[in-house]
Every structure is written in structure tokens, then in C-alpha cells.
N, C-alpha and C. Protein backbone atom coordinates (compact mmCIF):
# COMPACT_ATOMS: atom_id res chain seq x y z
N MET A 1 25.13 98.32 46.43
CA MET A 1 25.97 98.52 45.27
C MET A 1 27.43 98.14 45.55
N SER A 2 27.91 98.39 46.77
CA SER A 2 29.29 98.08 47.10
C SER A 2 29.52 96.57 47.14
N THR A 3 28.51 95.79 47.49
CA THR A 3 28.64 94.34 47.50
C THR A 3 28.86 93.82 46.09
N VAL A 4 28.15 94.41 45.12
CA VAL A 4 28.30 94.00 43.73
C VAL A 4 29.72 94.33 43.25
N ARG A 5 30.25 95.50 43.63
CA ARG A 5 31.63 95.87 43.23
C ARG A 5 32.65 94.92 43.85
N ASN A 6 32.44 94.55 45.11
CA ASN A 6 33.36 93.62 45.76
C ASN A 6 33.35 92.26 45.08
N ILE A 7 32.19 91.78 44.75
CA ILE A 7 32.08 90.48 44.08
C ILE A 7 32.70 90.56 42.69
N ALA A 8 32.51 91.66 41.99
CA ALA A 8 33.10 91.84 40.66
C ALA A 8 34.63 91.89 40.75
N ALA A 9 35.16 92.56 41.75
CA ALA A 9 36.61 92.64 41.93
C ALA A 9 37.20 91.27 42.25
N ILE A 10 36.53 90.51 43.10
CA ILE A 10 37.00 89.17 43.43
C ILE A 10 36.95 88.29 42.19
N ALA A 11 35.88 88.38 41.41
CA ALA A 11 35.75 87.57 40.19
C ALA A 11 36.85 87.91 39.19
N LYS A 12 37.17 89.21 39.06
CA LYS A 12 38.23 89.61 38.14
C LYS A 12 39.58 89.06 38.60
N GLY A 13 39.87 89.17 39.88
CA GLY A 13 41.12 88.64 40.42
C GLY A 13 41.23 87.13 40.25
N MET A 14 40.16 86.42 40.50
CA MET A 14 40.17 84.96 40.35
C MET A 14 40.31 84.55 38.88
N SER A 15 39.75 85.35 37.96
CA SER A 15 39.90 85.01 36.54
C SER A 15 41.35 85.15 36.11
N ILE A 16 42.05 86.15 36.62
CA ILE A 16 43.48 86.30 36.31
C ILE A 16 44.26 85.13 36.90
N THR A 17 43.93 84.76 38.13
CA THR A 17 44.62 83.64 38.78
C THR A 17 44.42 82.35 38.01
N PHE A 18 43.17 82.04 37.63
CA PHE A 18 42.90 80.81 36.90
C PHE A 18 43.53 80.84 35.52
N GLY A 19 43.64 82.01 34.91
CA GLY A 19 44.31 82.13 33.61
C GLY A 19 45.79 81.83 33.70
N GLU A 20 46.42 82.22 34.80
CA GLU A 20 47.86 82.00 34.98
C GLU A 20 48.18 80.56 35.36
N ILE A 21 47.24 79.84 35.91
CA ILE A 21 47.49 78.46 36.33
C ILE A 21 47.90 77.59 35.15
N PHE A 22 47.31 77.83 33.99
CA PHE A 22 47.54 76.97 32.83
C PHE A 22 48.69 77.46 31.94
N GLN A 23 49.34 78.53 32.31
CA GLN A 23 50.50 79.04 31.56
C GLN A 23 51.75 78.24 31.95
N PRO A 24 52.72 78.10 31.03
CA PRO A 24 53.95 77.38 31.40
C PRO A 24 54.76 78.16 32.44
N ILE A 25 55.48 77.43 33.27
CA ILE A 25 56.28 78.04 34.33
C ILE A 25 57.54 78.63 33.71
N GLN A 26 57.89 79.86 34.11
CA GLN A 26 59.08 80.52 33.58
C GLN A 26 60.05 80.79 34.72
N THR A 27 60.58 79.74 35.28
CA THR A 27 61.50 79.85 36.41
C THR A 27 62.86 79.34 36.00
N GLU A 28 63.92 80.10 36.36
CA GLU A 28 65.27 79.62 36.13
C GLU A 28 65.78 79.03 37.43
N ASN A 29 66.35 77.87 37.35
CA ASN A 29 66.81 77.17 38.53
C ASN A 29 68.23 77.63 38.82
N TYR A 30 68.41 78.62 39.70
CA TYR A 30 69.72 79.24 39.93
C TYR A 30 70.83 78.27 40.30
N PRO A 31 70.70 77.48 41.34
CA PRO A 31 71.89 76.70 41.69
C PRO A 31 72.26 75.64 40.67
N ASP A 32 71.32 75.22 39.85
CA ASP A 32 71.58 74.15 38.91
C ASP A 32 71.72 74.64 37.48
N GLY A 33 71.84 75.94 37.28
CA GLY A 33 71.93 76.50 35.93
C GLY A 33 73.25 76.18 35.26
N LYS A 34 73.38 76.64 34.01
CA LYS A 34 74.57 76.37 33.22
C LYS A 34 75.58 77.50 33.37
N GLY A 35 76.83 77.22 33.06
CA GLY A 35 77.87 78.23 33.02
C GLY A 35 78.53 78.47 34.36
N PRO A 36 79.56 79.35 34.37
CA PRO A 36 80.31 79.59 35.61
C PRO A 36 79.47 80.29 36.69
N MET A 37 78.49 81.07 36.30
CA MET A 37 77.64 81.75 37.28
C MET A 37 76.41 80.91 37.61
N ARG A 38 76.34 79.71 37.11
CA ARG A 38 75.26 78.74 37.38
C ARG A 38 73.88 79.32 37.09
N GLY A 39 73.75 79.99 35.97
CA GLY A 39 72.45 80.48 35.56
C GLY A 39 72.15 81.90 35.97
N ALA A 40 72.96 82.53 36.81
CA ALA A 40 72.71 83.91 37.23
C ALA A 40 73.08 84.86 36.10
N LYS A 41 72.24 85.84 35.84
CA LYS A 41 72.49 86.83 34.80
C LYS A 41 72.52 88.21 35.46
N PHE A 42 73.51 89.02 35.08
CA PHE A 42 73.69 90.33 35.69
C PHE A 42 73.61 91.43 34.65
N GLU A 43 73.14 92.57 35.08
CA GLU A 43 73.23 93.77 34.27
C GLU A 43 74.66 94.28 34.34
N ALA A 44 75.07 95.07 33.38
CA ALA A 44 76.45 95.57 33.34
C ALA A 44 76.75 96.46 34.53
N ARG A 45 75.75 97.16 35.04
CA ARG A 45 75.98 98.09 36.16
C ARG A 45 75.73 97.46 37.53
N TYR A 46 75.63 96.15 37.60
CA TYR A 46 75.38 95.46 38.87
C TYR A 46 76.52 95.74 39.85
N ARG A 47 76.19 96.05 41.08
CA ARG A 47 77.18 96.33 42.12
C ARG A 47 77.27 95.15 43.07
N GLY A 48 78.25 94.30 42.84
CA GLY A 48 78.46 93.14 43.70
C GLY A 48 79.61 93.37 44.65
N ALA A 49 80.21 92.30 45.09
CA ALA A 49 81.32 92.38 46.03
C ALA A 49 82.48 93.16 45.40
N HIS A 50 83.18 93.91 46.23
CA HIS A 50 84.27 94.76 45.76
C HIS A 50 85.49 93.94 45.35
N GLN A 51 86.26 94.50 44.42
CA GLN A 51 87.52 93.90 44.00
C GLN A 51 88.59 94.98 44.02
N LEU A 52 89.77 94.61 44.48
CA LEU A 52 90.93 95.50 44.42
C LEU A 52 91.75 95.10 43.20
N GLN A 53 91.98 96.03 42.31
CA GLN A 53 92.61 95.75 41.03
C GLN A 53 94.13 95.86 41.08
N ARG A 54 94.77 95.25 40.11
CA ARG A 54 96.22 95.33 39.92
C ARG A 54 96.49 96.03 38.59
N ASP A 55 97.70 96.61 38.46
CA ASP A 55 98.07 97.22 37.19
C ASP A 55 98.63 96.15 36.24
N GLU A 56 99.08 96.58 35.07
CA GLU A 56 99.55 95.62 34.07
C GLU A 56 100.82 94.88 34.49
N ASN A 57 101.56 95.41 35.49
CA ASN A 57 102.76 94.75 35.98
C ASN A 57 102.48 93.82 37.15
N GLY A 58 101.24 93.73 37.57
CA GLY A 58 100.87 92.86 38.69
C GLY A 58 100.95 93.54 40.04
N LEU A 59 101.30 94.84 40.06
CA LEU A 59 101.35 95.58 41.32
C LEU A 59 99.96 96.10 41.67
N GLU A 60 99.73 96.31 42.96
CA GLU A 60 98.43 96.81 43.41
C GLU A 60 98.25 98.25 42.97
N LYS A 61 97.01 98.58 42.57
CA LYS A 61 96.72 99.94 42.16
C LYS A 61 96.46 100.88 43.33
N CYS A 62 96.06 100.33 44.46
CA CYS A 62 95.69 101.16 45.60
C CYS A 62 96.93 101.85 46.15
N VAL A 63 96.83 103.19 46.31
CA VAL A 63 97.94 103.99 46.83
C VAL A 63 97.63 104.53 48.22
N ALA A 64 96.61 104.00 48.86
CA ALA A 64 96.22 104.36 50.23
C ALA A 64 96.01 105.86 50.37
N CYS A 65 95.19 106.43 49.50
CA CYS A 65 94.90 107.87 49.56
C CYS A 65 93.73 108.17 50.48
N TYR A 66 93.00 107.18 50.92
CA TYR A 66 91.87 107.29 51.85
C TYR A 66 90.65 107.99 51.26
N LEU A 67 90.62 108.24 49.96
CA LEU A 67 89.46 108.91 49.37
C LEU A 67 88.22 108.02 49.38
N CYS A 68 88.41 106.72 49.21
CA CYS A 68 87.25 105.81 49.25
C CYS A 68 86.65 105.77 50.64
N ALA A 69 87.49 105.75 51.66
CA ALA A 69 87.00 105.73 53.04
C ALA A 69 86.31 107.05 53.38
N ALA A 70 86.82 108.15 52.85
CA ALA A 70 86.20 109.45 53.12
C ALA A 70 84.86 109.58 52.41
N ALA A 71 84.72 108.98 51.23
CA ALA A 71 83.48 109.08 50.47
C ALA A 71 82.40 108.13 50.96
N CYS A 72 82.76 107.14 51.73
CA CYS A 72 81.81 106.10 52.17
C CYS A 72 80.82 106.67 53.17
N PRO A 73 79.52 106.67 52.86
CA PRO A 73 78.53 107.22 53.80
C PRO A 73 78.28 106.32 55.01
N SER A 74 78.57 105.03 54.90
CA SER A 74 78.32 104.13 56.02
C SER A 74 79.58 103.85 56.84
N ASN A 75 80.69 104.46 56.46
CA ASN A 75 81.94 104.34 57.21
C ASN A 75 82.35 102.87 57.40
N CYS A 76 82.32 102.11 56.32
CA CYS A 76 82.62 100.68 56.43
C CYS A 76 84.01 100.31 55.91
N ILE A 77 84.78 101.28 55.40
CA ILE A 77 86.10 100.99 54.85
C ILE A 77 87.17 101.42 55.84
N TYR A 78 88.10 100.51 56.12
CA TYR A 78 89.21 100.79 57.03
C TYR A 78 90.52 100.53 56.28
N ILE A 79 91.41 101.53 56.29
CA ILE A 79 92.68 101.43 55.56
C ILE A 79 93.82 101.81 56.48
N GLU A 80 94.91 101.06 56.39
CA GLU A 80 96.18 101.44 57.01
C GLU A 80 97.22 101.50 55.90
N ALA A 81 97.95 102.60 55.84
CA ALA A 81 98.95 102.78 54.79
C ALA A 81 100.33 102.34 55.27
N ALA A 82 101.18 101.98 54.32
CA ALA A 82 102.57 101.66 54.60
C ALA A 82 103.40 102.16 53.42
N GLU A 83 104.68 102.36 53.65
CA GLU A 83 105.58 102.88 52.62
C GLU A 83 106.19 101.74 51.82
N ASN A 84 106.28 101.93 50.52
CA ASN A 84 106.99 100.99 49.66
C ASN A 84 108.49 101.18 49.84
N THR A 85 109.23 100.12 49.71
CA THR A 85 110.70 100.19 49.73
C THR A 85 111.22 99.62 48.42
N ASP A 86 112.48 99.82 48.16
CA ASP A 86 113.07 99.28 46.94
C ASP A 86 113.10 97.76 46.96
N GLU A 87 113.26 97.18 48.15
CA GLU A 87 113.30 95.73 48.27
C GLU A 87 111.90 95.11 48.16
N LEU A 88 110.92 95.79 48.73
CA LEU A 88 109.55 95.28 48.76
C LEU A 88 108.64 96.29 48.08
N ARG A 89 108.31 96.03 46.83
CA ARG A 89 107.48 96.94 46.05
C ARG A 89 106.10 96.30 45.90
N ILE A 90 105.10 96.90 46.56
CA ILE A 90 103.72 96.38 46.52
C ILE A 90 102.91 97.12 45.46
N SER A 91 103.07 98.44 45.40
CA SER A 91 102.37 99.24 44.40
C SER A 91 103.37 100.11 43.67
N SER A 92 102.92 100.76 42.61
CA SER A 92 103.82 101.58 41.82
C SER A 92 104.02 102.96 42.44
N SER A 93 103.28 103.29 43.47
CA SER A 93 103.39 104.58 44.14
C SER A 93 104.33 104.47 45.35
N ASP A 94 104.42 105.56 46.11
CA ASP A 94 105.26 105.56 47.31
C ASP A 94 104.61 104.77 48.45
N ARG A 95 103.27 104.77 48.47
CA ARG A 95 102.55 104.09 49.55
C ARG A 95 101.67 102.99 48.98
N TYR A 96 101.25 102.13 49.86
CA TYR A 96 100.29 101.08 49.50
C TYR A 96 99.41 100.82 50.72
N ALA A 97 98.31 100.14 50.50
CA ALA A 97 97.39 99.81 51.59
C ALA A 97 97.87 98.53 52.25
N LYS A 98 98.44 98.68 53.42
CA LYS A 98 98.89 97.51 54.19
C LYS A 98 97.67 96.72 54.67
N VAL A 99 96.67 97.44 55.14
CA VAL A 99 95.40 96.85 55.57
C VAL A 99 94.29 97.54 54.80
N TYR A 100 93.40 96.76 54.20
CA TYR A 100 92.24 97.30 53.49
C TYR A 100 91.07 96.39 53.81
N ASN A 101 90.17 96.85 54.66
CA ASN A 101 89.01 96.06 55.07
C ASN A 101 87.73 96.76 54.69
N ILE A 102 86.76 95.98 54.27
CA ILE A 102 85.40 96.49 54.04
C ILE A 102 84.46 95.63 54.87
N ASP A 103 83.68 96.28 55.71
CA ASP A 103 82.72 95.59 56.56
C ASP A 103 81.38 95.53 55.83
N TYR A 104 81.05 94.36 55.28
CA TYR A 104 79.80 94.21 54.53
C TYR A 104 78.57 94.19 55.44
N ASN A 105 78.76 94.16 56.75
CA ASN A 105 77.63 94.35 57.65
C ASN A 105 77.09 95.77 57.55
N ARG A 106 77.96 96.70 57.17
CA ARG A 106 77.58 98.10 57.10
C ARG A 106 77.47 98.62 55.68
N CYS A 107 78.12 97.98 54.72
CA CYS A 107 78.18 98.47 53.34
C CYS A 107 76.78 98.50 52.72
N ILE A 108 76.49 99.60 52.00
CA ILE A 108 75.19 99.73 51.33
C ILE A 108 75.34 99.63 49.81
N PHE A 109 76.53 99.29 49.32
CA PHE A 109 76.80 99.11 47.90
C PHE A 109 76.37 100.32 47.07
N CYS A 110 76.70 101.49 47.57
CA CYS A 110 76.31 102.73 46.89
C CYS A 110 77.22 103.06 45.72
N GLY A 111 78.47 102.60 45.74
CA GLY A 111 79.40 102.87 44.66
C GLY A 111 80.19 104.15 44.81
N TYR A 112 80.03 104.87 45.91
CA TYR A 112 80.79 106.11 46.11
C TYR A 112 82.29 105.84 46.21
N CYS A 113 82.67 104.72 46.79
CA CYS A 113 84.10 104.39 46.90
C CYS A 113 84.71 104.17 45.52
N VAL A 114 83.96 103.56 44.63
CA VAL A 114 84.45 103.30 43.28
C VAL A 114 84.61 104.62 42.53
N GLU A 115 83.65 105.51 42.69
CA GLU A 115 83.71 106.80 42.01
C GLU A 115 84.82 107.68 42.56
N ALA A 116 85.11 107.59 43.85
CA ALA A 116 86.10 108.45 44.47
C ALA A 116 87.53 108.04 44.19
N CYS A 117 87.77 106.79 43.82
CA CYS A 117 89.12 106.28 43.66
C CYS A 117 89.81 106.89 42.44
N PRO A 118 90.92 107.62 42.63
CA PRO A 118 91.59 108.24 41.49
C PRO A 118 92.39 107.26 40.63
N THR A 119 92.72 106.10 41.16
CA THR A 119 93.53 105.14 40.41
C THR A 119 92.72 103.95 39.91
N ASP A 120 91.41 103.97 40.08
CA ASP A 120 90.53 102.85 39.71
C ASP A 120 90.97 101.55 40.37
N ALA A 121 91.41 101.66 41.61
CA ALA A 121 91.89 100.49 42.33
C ALA A 121 90.75 99.64 42.86
N ILE A 122 89.65 100.24 43.23
CA ILE A 122 88.51 99.48 43.77
C ILE A 122 87.37 99.54 42.76
N THR A 123 86.80 98.37 42.49
CA THR A 123 85.67 98.27 41.58
C THR A 123 84.64 97.33 42.19
N HIS A 124 83.45 97.37 41.61
CA HIS A 124 82.44 96.39 41.99
C HIS A 124 82.54 95.21 41.05
N GLY A 125 82.62 94.02 41.60
CA GLY A 125 82.63 92.82 40.79
C GLY A 125 81.21 92.28 40.67
N HIS A 126 81.10 91.04 40.24
CA HIS A 126 79.79 90.41 40.12
C HIS A 126 79.57 89.36 41.19
N GLY A 127 80.36 89.40 42.26
CA GLY A 127 80.16 88.45 43.35
C GLY A 127 78.89 88.79 44.11
N PHE A 128 78.04 87.81 44.29
CA PHE A 128 76.76 88.07 44.94
C PHE A 128 76.45 87.11 46.08
N GLU A 129 77.23 86.08 46.25
CA GLU A 129 76.96 85.12 47.31
C GLU A 129 77.69 85.53 48.57
N LEU A 130 77.13 86.48 49.30
CA LEU A 130 77.76 87.02 50.50
C LEU A 130 77.07 86.56 51.77
N ALA A 131 76.04 85.75 51.65
CA ALA A 131 75.29 85.32 52.82
C ALA A 131 76.13 84.41 53.71
N THR A 132 76.00 84.60 55.02
CA THR A 132 76.72 83.78 55.97
C THR A 132 75.95 83.77 57.29
N ILE A 133 76.20 82.79 58.09
CA ILE A 133 75.56 82.71 59.40
C ILE A 133 76.31 83.55 60.41
N ASN A 134 77.63 83.60 60.27
CA ASN A 134 78.49 84.32 61.21
C ASN A 134 78.81 85.70 60.65
N ALA A 135 78.45 86.75 61.36
CA ALA A 135 78.65 88.12 60.89
C ALA A 135 80.12 88.50 60.78
N THR A 136 81.00 87.83 61.49
CA THR A 136 82.43 88.15 61.38
C THR A 136 83.01 87.74 60.03
N ASN A 137 82.33 86.87 59.31
CA ASN A 137 82.78 86.48 57.98
C ASN A 137 82.50 87.56 56.94
N LEU A 138 81.74 88.57 57.30
CA LEU A 138 81.39 89.64 56.37
C LEU A 138 82.38 90.79 56.38
N VAL A 139 83.46 90.69 57.12
CA VAL A 139 84.52 91.69 57.05
C VAL A 139 85.54 91.16 56.04
N MET A 140 85.53 91.77 54.83
CA MET A 140 86.41 91.32 53.77
C MET A 140 87.75 92.04 53.89
N ARG A 141 88.80 91.27 53.85
CA ARG A 141 90.14 91.82 53.96
C ARG A 141 90.76 91.97 52.57
N LYS A 142 91.87 92.65 52.53
CA LYS A 142 92.55 92.92 51.28
C LYS A 142 92.83 91.63 50.51
N GLU A 143 93.24 90.59 51.20
CA GLU A 143 93.56 89.32 50.55
C GLU A 143 92.33 88.69 49.90
N ASP A 144 91.15 88.94 50.48
CA ASP A 144 89.92 88.39 49.93
C ASP A 144 89.47 89.12 48.67
N MET A 145 89.78 90.42 48.60
CA MET A 145 89.29 91.24 47.50
C MET A 145 90.28 91.43 46.37
N LEU A 146 91.55 91.18 46.60
CA LEU A 146 92.59 91.45 45.60
C LEU A 146 92.48 90.48 44.43
N VAL A 147 92.49 91.03 43.22
CA VAL A 147 92.42 90.21 42.02
C VAL A 147 93.71 89.42 41.90
N SER A 148 93.59 88.14 41.62
CA SER A 148 94.78 87.29 41.54
C SER A 148 95.58 87.59 40.27
N ILE A 149 96.84 87.29 40.31
CA ILE A 149 97.71 87.53 39.15
C ILE A 149 97.32 86.61 38.00
N GLU A 150 96.83 85.41 38.29
CA GLU A 150 96.39 84.49 37.25
C GLU A 150 95.19 85.06 36.50
N THR A 151 94.27 85.68 37.22
CA THR A 151 93.11 86.31 36.60
C THR A 151 93.55 87.48 35.74
N LEU A 152 94.54 88.22 36.20
CA LEU A 152 95.07 89.35 35.45
C LEU A 152 95.69 88.89 34.14
N ALA A 153 96.38 87.76 34.16
CA ALA A 153 97.03 87.24 32.95
C ALA A 153 96.01 86.76 31.92
N LYS A 154 94.84 86.29 32.39
CA LYS A 154 93.81 85.77 31.49
C LYS A 154 92.95 86.89 30.90
N ALA A 155 92.97 88.08 31.50
CA ALA A 155 92.10 89.17 31.07
C ALA A 155 92.53 89.66 29.69
N PRO A 156 91.56 90.00 28.84
CA PRO A 156 91.91 90.53 27.51
C PRO A 156 92.53 91.92 27.63
N VAL A 157 93.47 92.20 26.76
CA VAL A 157 94.17 93.49 26.77
C VAL A 157 93.34 94.47 25.96
N GLU A 158 93.04 95.64 26.55
CA GLU A 158 92.29 96.67 25.87
C GLU A 158 93.25 97.56 25.08
N VAL A 159 92.91 97.80 23.83
CA VAL A 159 93.73 98.65 22.98
C VAL A 159 93.05 100.00 22.89
N THR A 160 93.75 101.05 23.27
CA THR A 160 93.18 102.40 23.19
C THR A 160 93.89 103.17 22.10
N LYS A 161 93.14 103.98 21.42
CA LYS A 161 93.71 104.77 20.30
C LYS A 161 93.70 106.24 20.64
């Protein structure tokens, strides 16, 4: 009786396979797709490469409070703080992050750093091409993650009531 069941299971599996052979292919060709993301589509809650945001004046939002580093379960965020001066104003607060590194060799993209940030300085972007042969390229520095002023100028202004 078990031989009959095995043959029936194989026949059922093969019928599904042969049925799918004649169906049209539904594959999107990622590298050759259309648009700026070349065919890649993301959900709104996708957690990609981190971005350090700027305020409406172009100053950095990060105030070097270390809450993101404290919330990180994989201990991949390294921050060094420095004081703002009247001559050199980096952020609107008294302090700013002189060094802000995220080691993507260790990052698990959990989002705890984003949730812990009181100034919304760090967010997840939609960057997904992080693959590299050399592991030292996976340590992202502040300059790599900081949103450019040109991008800030192009962003739509949100009106709150």
C-alpha cells in the first residue's frame, strides 16, 4: 500500500511541475529594470542602509546623545562627540557627532537605533546594495550616511496643522 501512495505522490508532484512549465514566466529583471531603483520595489517599512538626517537649515540633527549606540543589540554603532562653537556650527545643539560609524558586518537592521533617537537623526533608507568583497568597506562613516544638502533642497516640504 505504501508503494501506491509513493507513486501517487510523485505523480501529483510531476503534474504540478508539468502544469507550471507552460505558464508564462513572471520574472522582473532587476539590474535592467526601469526607474531610479532599476526595477526594485520596496515596502514602506523596508529597513535599508542607514541615513543621517539634516534639519530644515541644513544642520545635522544628531546631537551625539549615544542613545542609538546604547539601544543597539549588536554593538555596531560607534560615536565620538564634539562641542559646537560659534564659528563652527555643525548641529543646532551644543554637541554634534564628530565620528559616527556603523559596522554593517555586525548590524542586524533591527531598527532599535531609529526608535531610540530622540531627534529623528538616524533613519533607515532604501539603500540595499551593500554587498562587497572587502569587509572593511562595510564600515559606513558619517560622510557616507549623511543626507546631502542638495537632496534636502529637493525634498517636499511637509505642512503640519
